[in-house]
Amino acid sequence: IGDDIELKIIETLGDKVKIGISAPDKVKV
């Protein structure tokens, strides 16, 4: 998303998905 936000699918298990988010500190998640 843009130049500095990455969403990575870490794991899928049934109906659950683990997502890793890399974003600058100024971005509220």
PDB file of all heavy atoms in Angstrom:
ATOM      1  N   ILE A   1       0.879  -1.160   0.000  1.00  0.00           N
ATOM      2  CA  ILE A   1       0.000   0.000   0.000  1.00  0.00           C
ATOM      3  C   ILE A   1       0.918   1.211   0.000  1.00  0.00           C
ATOM      4  O   ILE A   1       1.680   1.432   0.951  1.00  0.00           O
ATOM      5  CB  ILE A   1      -0.924   0.014   1.231  1.00  0.00           C
ATOM      6  CG1 ILE A   1      -1.798  -1.244   1.240  1.00  0.00           C
ATOM      7  CG2 ILE A   1      -1.772   1.277   1.248  1.00  0.00           C
ATOM      8  CD1 ILE A   1      -2.647  -1.405   2.470  1.00  0.00           C
ATOM      9  N   GLY A   2       0.869   1.970  -1.074  1.00  0.00           N
ATOM     10  CA  GLY A   2       1.799   3.086  -1.207  1.00  0.00           C
ATOM     11  C   GLY A   2       3.218   2.567  -1.305  1.00  0.00           C
ATOM     12  O   GLY A   2       3.471   1.444  -1.738  1.00  0.00           O
ATOM     13  N   ASP A   3       4.158   3.418  -0.872  1.00  0.00           N
ATOM     14  CA  ASP A   3       5.569   3.061  -0.959  1.00  0.00           C
ATOM     15  C   ASP A   3       6.113   2.419   0.303  1.00  0.00           C
ATOM     16  O   ASP A   3       7.184   1.827   0.283  1.00  0.00           O
ATOM     17  CB  ASP A   3       6.409   4.319  -1.244  1.00  0.00           C
ATOM     18  CG  ASP A   3       6.110   4.897  -2.612  1.00  0.00           C
ATOM     19  OD1 ASP A   3       5.776   4.122  -3.527  1.00  0.00           O
ATOM     20  OD2 ASP A   3       6.197   6.134  -2.758  1.00  0.00           O
ATOM     21  N   ASP A   4       5.378   2.524   1.419  1.00  0.00           N
ATOM     22  CA  ASP A   4       5.988   2.126   2.682  1.00  0.00           C
ATOM     23  C   ASP A   4       5.136   1.254   3.598  1.00  0.00           C
ATOM     24  O   ASP A   4       5.438   1.097   4.764  1.00  0.00           O
ATOM     25  CB  ASP A   4       6.456   3.372   3.436  1.00  0.00           C
ATOM     26  CG  ASP A   4       5.357   4.413   3.595  1.00  0.00           C
ATOM     27  OD1 ASP A   4       4.220   4.153   3.165  1.00  0.00           O
ATOM     28  OD2 ASP A   4       5.648   5.485   4.134  1.00  0.00           O
ATOM     29  N   ILE A   5       4.056   0.674   3.084  1.00  0.00           N
ATOM     30  CA  ILE A   5       3.240  -0.225   3.898  1.00  0.00           C
ATOM     31  C   ILE A   5       3.158  -1.569   3.180  1.00  0.00           C
ATOM     32  O   ILE A   5       2.777  -1.648   2.014  1.00  0.00           O
ATOM     33  CB  ILE A   5       1.823   0.336   4.133  1.00  0.00           C
ATOM     34  CG1 ILE A   5       1.915   1.676   4.876  1.00  0.00           C
ATOM     35  CG2 ILE A   5       0.979  -0.668   4.920  1.00  0.00           C
ATOM     36  CD1 ILE A   5       0.592   2.383   5.022  1.00  0.00           C
ATOM     37  N   GLU A   6       3.530  -2.630   3.898  1.00  0.00           N
ATOM     38  CA  GLU A   6       3.469  -3.974   3.345  1.00  0.00           C
ATOM     39  C   GLU A   6       2.588  -4.847   4.225  1.00  0.00           C
ATOM     40  O   GLU A   6       2.740  -4.872   5.447  1.00  0.00           O
ATOM     41  CB  GLU A   6       4.859  -4.600   3.261  1.00  0.00           C
ATOM     42  CG  GLU A   6       4.846  -6.024   2.726  1.00  0.00           C
ATOM     43  CD  GLU A   6       6.210  -6.681   2.704  1.00  0.00           C
ATOM     44  OE1 GLU A   6       7.181  -6.095   3.240  1.00  0.00           O
ATOM     45  OE2 GLU A   6       6.308  -7.791   2.161  1.00  0.00           O
ATOM     46  N   LEU A   7       1.654  -5.552   3.610  1.00  0.00           N
ATOM     47  CA  LEU A   7       0.835  -6.548   4.294  1.00  0.00           C
ATOM     48  C   LEU A   7       1.285  -7.912   3.797  1.00  0.00           C
ATOM     49  O   LEU A   7       1.268  -8.173   2.595  1.00  0.00           O
ATOM     50  CB  LEU A   7      -0.648  -6.360   3.972  1.00  0.00           C
ATOM     51  CG  LEU A   7      -1.263  -5.012   4.318  1.00  0.00           C
ATOM     52  CD1 LEU A   7      -2.711  -4.972   3.872  1.00  0.00           C
ATOM     53  CD2 LEU A   7      -1.149  -4.727   5.791  1.00  0.00           C
ATOM     54  N   LYS A   8       1.697  -8.768   4.725  1.00  0.00           N
ATOM     55  CA  LYS A   8       2.195 -10.090   4.336  1.00  0.00           C
ATOM     56  C   LYS A   8       1.313 -11.160   4.965  1.00  0.00           C
ATOM     57  O   LYS A   8       1.018 -11.109   6.159  1.00  0.00           O
ATOM     58  CB  LYS A   8       3.639 -10.280   4.781  1.00  0.00           C
ATOM     59  CG  LYS A   8       4.232 -11.589   4.326  1.00  0.00           C
ATOM     60  CD  LYS A   8       5.717 -11.666   4.619  1.00  0.00           C
ATOM     61  CE  LYS A   8       6.299 -12.955   4.048  1.00  0.00           C
ATOM     62  NZ  LYS A   8       7.742 -13.025   4.264  1.00  0.00           N
ATOM     63  N   ILE A   9       0.886 -12.109   4.165  1.00  0.00           N
ATOM     64  CA  ILE A   9       0.111 -13.228   4.672  1.00  0.00           C
ATOM     65  C   ILE A   9       1.100 -14.200   5.317  1.00  0.00           C
ATOM     66  O   ILE A   9       1.943 -14.787   4.648  1.00  0.00           O
ATOM     67  CB  ILE A   9      -0.683 -13.926   3.546  1.00  0.00           C
ATOM     68  CG1 ILE A   9      -1.543 -12.926   2.770  1.00  0.00           C
ATOM     69  CG2 ILE A   9      -1.519 -15.071   4.117  1.00  0.00           C
ATOM     70  CD1 ILE A   9      -2.494 -12.106   3.605  1.00  0.00           C
ATOM     71  N   ILE A  10       1.001 -14.346   6.607  1.00  0.00           N
ATOM     72  CA  ILE A  10       1.928 -15.190   7.362  1.00  0.00           C
ATOM     73  C   ILE A  10       1.445 -16.638   7.361  1.00  0.00           C
ATOM     74  O   ILE A  10       2.223 -17.558   7.139  1.00  0.00           O
ATOM     75  CB  ILE A  10       2.068 -14.685   8.816  1.00  0.00           C
ATOM     76  CG1 ILE A  10       2.491 -13.217   8.854  1.00  0.00           C
ATOM     77  CG2 ILE A  10       3.025 -15.566   9.614  1.00  0.00           C
ATOM     78  CD1 ILE A  10       3.819 -12.915   8.225  1.00  0.00           C
ATOM     79  N   GLU A  11       0.145 -16.821   7.603  1.00  0.00           N
ATOM     80  CA  GLU A  11      -0.376 -18.180   7.725  1.00  0.00           C
ATOM     81  C   GLU A  11      -1.887 -18.161   7.510  1.00  0.00           C
ATOM     82  O   GLU A  11      -2.559 -17.211   7.890  1.00  0.00           O
ATOM     83  CB  GLU A  11      -0.060 -18.712   9.124  1.00  0.00           C
ATOM     84  CG  GLU A  11      -0.578 -20.084   9.437  1.00  0.00           C
ATOM     85  CD  GLU A  11      -0.257 -20.521  10.866  1.00  0.00           C
ATOM     86  OE1 GLU A  11      -0.143 -19.662  11.756  1.00  0.00           O
ATOM     87  OE2 GLU A  11      -0.137 -21.729  11.067  1.00  0.00           O
ATOM     88  N   THR A  12      -2.402 -19.197   6.894  1.00  0.00           N
ATOM     89  CA  THR A  12      -3.844 -19.397   6.806  1.00  0.00           C
ATOM     90  C   THR A  12      -4.157 -20.735   7.453  1.00  0.00           C
ATOM     91  O   THR A  12      -3.469 -21.731   7.217  1.00  0.00           O
ATOM     92  CB  THR A  12      -4.349 -19.389   5.349  1.00  0.00           C
ATOM     93  OG1 THR A  12      -3.673 -20.398   4.620  1.00  0.00           O
ATOM     94  CG2 THR A  12      -4.112 -18.043   4.692  1.00  0.00           C
ATOM     95  N   LEU A  13      -5.162 -20.744   8.298  1.00  0.00           N
ATOM     96  CA  LEU A  13      -5.537 -21.958   9.010  1.00  0.00           C
ATOM     97  C   LEU A  13      -7.053 -21.945   9.164  1.00  0.00           C
ATOM     98  O   LEU A  13      -7.595 -21.190   9.971  1.00  0.00           O
ATOM     99  CB  LEU A  13      -4.852 -22.010  10.370  1.00  0.00           C
ATOM    100  CG  LEU A  13      -4.991 -23.298  11.176  1.00  0.00           C
ATOM    101  CD1 LEU A  13      -4.428 -24.489  10.402  1.00  0.00           C
ATOM    102  CD2 LEU A  13      -4.268 -23.175  12.505  1.00  0.00           C
ATOM    103  N   GLY A  14      -7.745 -22.735   8.373  1.00  0.00           N
ATOM    104  CA  GLY A  14      -9.206 -22.746   8.411  1.00  0.00           C
ATOM    105  C   GLY A  14      -9.745 -21.390   7.984  1.00  0.00           C
ATOM    106  O   GLY A  14      -9.398 -20.891   6.918  1.00  0.00           O
ATOM    107  N   ASP A  15     -10.552 -20.792   8.851  1.00  0.00           N
ATOM    108  CA  ASP A  15     -11.122 -19.481   8.526  1.00  0.00           C
ATOM    109  C   ASP A  15     -10.326 -18.324   9.128  1.00  0.00           C
ATOM    110  O   ASP A  15     -10.800 -17.194   9.155  1.00  0.00           O
ATOM    111  CB  ASP A  15     -12.590 -19.408   8.966  1.00  0.00           C
ATOM    112  CG  ASP A  15     -12.766 -19.524  10.471  1.00  0.00           C
ATOM    113  OD1 ASP A  15     -11.801 -19.922  11.158  1.00  0.00           O
ATOM    114  OD2 ASP A  15     -13.869 -19.223  10.966  1.00  0.00           O
ATOM    115  N   LYS A  16      -9.115 -18.595   9.610  1.00  0.00           N
ATOM    116  CA  LYS A  16      -8.275 -17.551  10.204  1.00  0.00           C
ATOM    117  C   LYS A  16      -7.067 -17.276   9.327  1.00  0.00           C
ATOM    118  O   LYS A  16      -6.512 -18.182   8.701  1.00  0.00           O
ATOM    119  CB  LYS A  16      -7.812 -17.945  11.600  1.00  0.00           C
ATOM    120  CG  LYS A  16      -8.951 -18.031  12.579  1.00  0.00           C
ATOM    121  CD  LYS A  16      -8.437 -18.268  13.971  1.00  0.00           C
ATOM    122  CE  LYS A  16      -9.610 -18.311  14.936  1.00  0.00           C
ATOM    123  NZ  LYS A  16      -9.178 -18.385  16.311  1.00  0.00           N
ATOM    124  N   VAL A  17      -6.663 -16.016   9.309  1.00  0.00           N
ATOM    125  CA  VAL A  17      -5.502 -15.593   8.529  1.00  0.00           C
ATOM    126  C   VAL A  17      -4.611 -14.763   9.442  1.00  0.00           C
ATOM    127  O   VAL A  17      -5.081 -13.839  10.112  1.00  0.00           O
ATOM    128  CB  VAL A  17      -5.939 -14.726   7.318  1.00  0.00           C
ATOM    129  CG1 VAL A  17      -4.729 -14.248   6.544  1.00  0.00           C
ATOM    130  CG2 VAL A  17      -6.885 -15.498   6.421  1.00  0.00           C
ATOM    131  N   LYS A  18      -3.319 -15.085   9.503  1.00  0.00           N
ATOM    132  CA  LYS A  18      -2.353 -14.256  10.214  1.00  0.00           C
ATOM    133  C   LYS A  18      -1.724 -13.315   9.218  1.00  0.00           C
ATOM    134  O   LYS A  18      -1.215 -13.748   8.179  1.00  0.00           O
ATOM    135  CB  LYS A  18      -1.260 -15.096  10.877  1.00  0.00           C
ATOM    136  CG  LYS A  18      -1.693 -15.775  12.134  1.00  0.00           C
ATOM    137  CD  LYS A  18      -0.498 -16.423  12.815  1.00  0.00           C
ATOM    138  CE  LYS A  18      -0.935 -17.142  14.068  1.00  0.00           C
ATOM    139  NZ  LYS A  18       0.192 -17.804  14.728  1.00  0.00           N
ATOM    140  N   ILE A  19      -1.755 -12.023   9.540  1.00  0.00           N
ATOM    141  CA  ILE A  19      -1.233 -10.993   8.646  1.00  0.00           C
ATOM    142  C   ILE A  19      -0.129 -10.231   9.362  1.00  0.00           C
ATOM    143  O   ILE A  19      -0.310  -9.809  10.506  1.00  0.00           O
ATOM    144  CB  ILE A  19      -2.345 -10.012   8.241  1.00  0.00           C
ATOM    145  CG1 ILE A  19      -3.478 -10.752   7.541  1.00  0.00           C
ATOM    146  CG2 ILE A  19      -1.800  -8.898   7.359  1.00  0.00           C
ATOM    147  CD1 ILE A  19      -4.699  -9.896   7.279  1.00  0.00           C
ATOM    148  N   GLY A  20       1.000 -10.055   8.701  1.00  0.00           N
ATOM    149  CA  GLY A  20       2.081  -9.214   9.214  1.00  0.00           C
ATOM    150  C   GLY A  20       1.984  -7.852   8.536  1.00  0.00           C
ATOM    151  O   GLY A  20       1.725  -7.777   7.332  1.00  0.00           O
ATOM    152  N   ILE A  21       2.171  -6.800   9.313  1.00  0.00           N
ATOM    153  CA  ILE A  21       2.075  -5.444   8.774  1.00  0.00           C
ATOM    154  C   ILE A  21       3.379  -4.703   9.043  1.00  0.00           C
ATOM    155  O   ILE A  21       3.801  -4.576  10.194  1.00  0.00           O
ATOM    156  CB  ILE A  21       0.912  -4.667   9.422  1.00  0.00           C
ATOM    157  CG1 ILE A  21      -0.403  -5.427   9.211  1.00  0.00           C
ATOM    158  CG2 ILE A  21       0.823  -3.251   8.869  1.00  0.00           C
ATOM    159  CD1 ILE A  21      -1.563  -4.905  10.023  1.00  0.00           C
ATOM    160  N   SER A  22       4.012  -4.234   7.983  1.00  0.00           N
ATOM    161  CA  SER A  22       5.195  -3.380   8.105  1.00  0.00           C
ATOM    162  C   SER A  22       4.791  -1.990   7.657  1.00  0.00           C
ATOM    163  O   SER A  22       4.375  -1.801   6.514  1.00  0.00           O
ATOM    164  CB  SER A  22       6.331  -3.890   7.215  1.00  0.00           C
ATOM    165  OG  SER A  22       6.758  -5.156   7.636  1.00  0.00           O
ATOM    166  N   ALA A  23       4.891  -1.042   8.588  1.00  0.00           N
ATOM    167  CA  ALA A  23       4.500   0.336   8.285  1.00  0.00           C
ATOM    168  C   ALA A  23       5.356   1.278   9.124  1.00  0.00           C
ATOM    169  O   ALA A  23       5.851   0.898  10.190  1.00  0.00           O
ATOM    170  CB  ALA A  23       3.025   0.552   8.601  1.00  0.00           C
ATOM    171  N   PRO A  24       5.524   2.518   8.671  1.00  0.00           N
ATOM    172  CA  PRO A  24       6.276   3.489   9.459  1.00  0.00           C
ATOM    173  C   PRO A  24       5.594   3.726  10.811  1.00  0.00           C
ATOM    174  O   PRO A  24       4.379   3.532  10.946  1.00  0.00           O
ATOM    175  CB  PRO A  24       6.225   4.766   8.606  1.00  0.00           C
ATOM    176  CG  PRO A  24       5.825   4.323   7.248  1.00  0.00           C
ATOM    177  CD  PRO A  24       5.050   3.058   7.412  1.00  0.00           C
ATOM    178  N   ASP A  25       6.375   4.156  11.791  1.00  0.00           N
ATOM    179  CA  ASP A  25       5.836   4.414  13.129  1.00  0.00           C
ATOM    180  C   ASP A  25       4.710   5.438  13.114  1.00  0.00           C
ATOM    181  O   ASP A  25       3.818   5.392  13.959  1.00  0.00           O
ATOM    182  CB  ASP A  25       6.951   4.893  14.072  1.00  0.00           C
ATOM    183  CG  ASP A  25       7.936   3.775  14.382  1.00  0.00           C
ATOM    184  OD1 ASP A  25       7.569   2.597  14.237  1.00  0.00           O
ATOM    185  OD2 ASP A  25       9.070   4.093  14.760  1.00  0.00           O
ATOM    186  N   LYS A  26       4.755   6.370  12.175  1.00  0.00           N
ATOM    187  CA  LYS A  26       3.734   7.431  12.140  1.00  0.00           C
ATOM    188  C   LYS A  26       2.371   6.913  11.686  1.00  0.00           C
ATOM    189  O   LYS A  26       1.359   7.578  11.867  1.00  0.00           O
ATOM    190  CB  LYS A  26       4.180   8.578  11.228  1.00  0.00           C
ATOM    191  CG  LYS A  26       4.298   8.179   9.779  1.00  0.00           C
ATOM    192  CD  LYS A  26       4.746   9.314   8.900  1.00  0.00           C
ATOM    193  CE  LYS A  26       4.851   8.809   7.450  1.00  0.00           C
ATOM    194  NZ  LYS A  26       5.224   9.857   6.546  1.00  0.00           N
ATOM    195  N   VAL A  27       2.317   5.706  11.119  1.00  0.00           N
ATOM    196  CA  VAL A  27       1.058   5.121  10.650  1.00  0.00           C
ATOM    197  C   VAL A  27       0.426   4.338  11.795  1.00  0.00           C
ATOM    198  O   VAL A  27       1.017   3.410  12.338  1.00  0.00           O
ATOM    199  CB  VAL A  27       1.293   4.194   9.432  1.00  0.00           C
ATOM    200  CG1 VAL A  27      -0.004   3.506   9.031  1.00  0.00           C
ATOM    201  CG2 VAL A  27       1.878   4.973   8.270  1.00  0.00           C
ATOM    202  N   LYS A  28      -0.786   4.723  12.163  1.00  0.00           N
ATOM    203  CA  LYS A  28      -1.508   4.052  13.231  1.00  0.00           C
ATOM    204  C   LYS A  28      -2.163   2.799  12.659  1.00  0.00           C
ATOM    205  O   LYS A  28      -2.858   2.859  11.651  1.00  0.00           O
ATOM    206  CB  LYS A  28      -2.583   4.976  13.796  1.00  0.00           C
ATOM    207  CG  LYS A  28      -3.241   4.469  15.053  1.00  0.00           C
ATOM    208  CD  LYS A  28      -4.380   5.350  15.525  1.00  0.00           C
ATOM    209  CE  LYS A  28      -3.934   6.769  15.770  1.00  0.00           C
ATOM    210  NZ  LYS A  28      -4.985   7.597  16.369  1.00  0.00           N
ATOM    211  N   VAL A  29      -1.927   1.650  13.310  1.00  0.00           N
ATOM    212  CA  VAL A  29      -2.528   0.393  12.876  1.00  0.00           C
ATOM    213  C   VAL A  29      -3.346  -0.150  14.042  1.00  0.00           C
ATOM    214  O   VAL A  29      -2.798  -0.448  15.094  1.00  0.00           O
ATOM    215  CB  VAL A  29      -1.445  -0.637  12.453  1.00  0.00           C
ATOM    216  CG1 VAL A  29      -2.085  -1.946  12.052  1.00  0.00           C
ATOM    217  CG2 VAL A  29      -0.579  -0.081  11.330  1.00  0.00           C
TER     218      VAL A  29
END
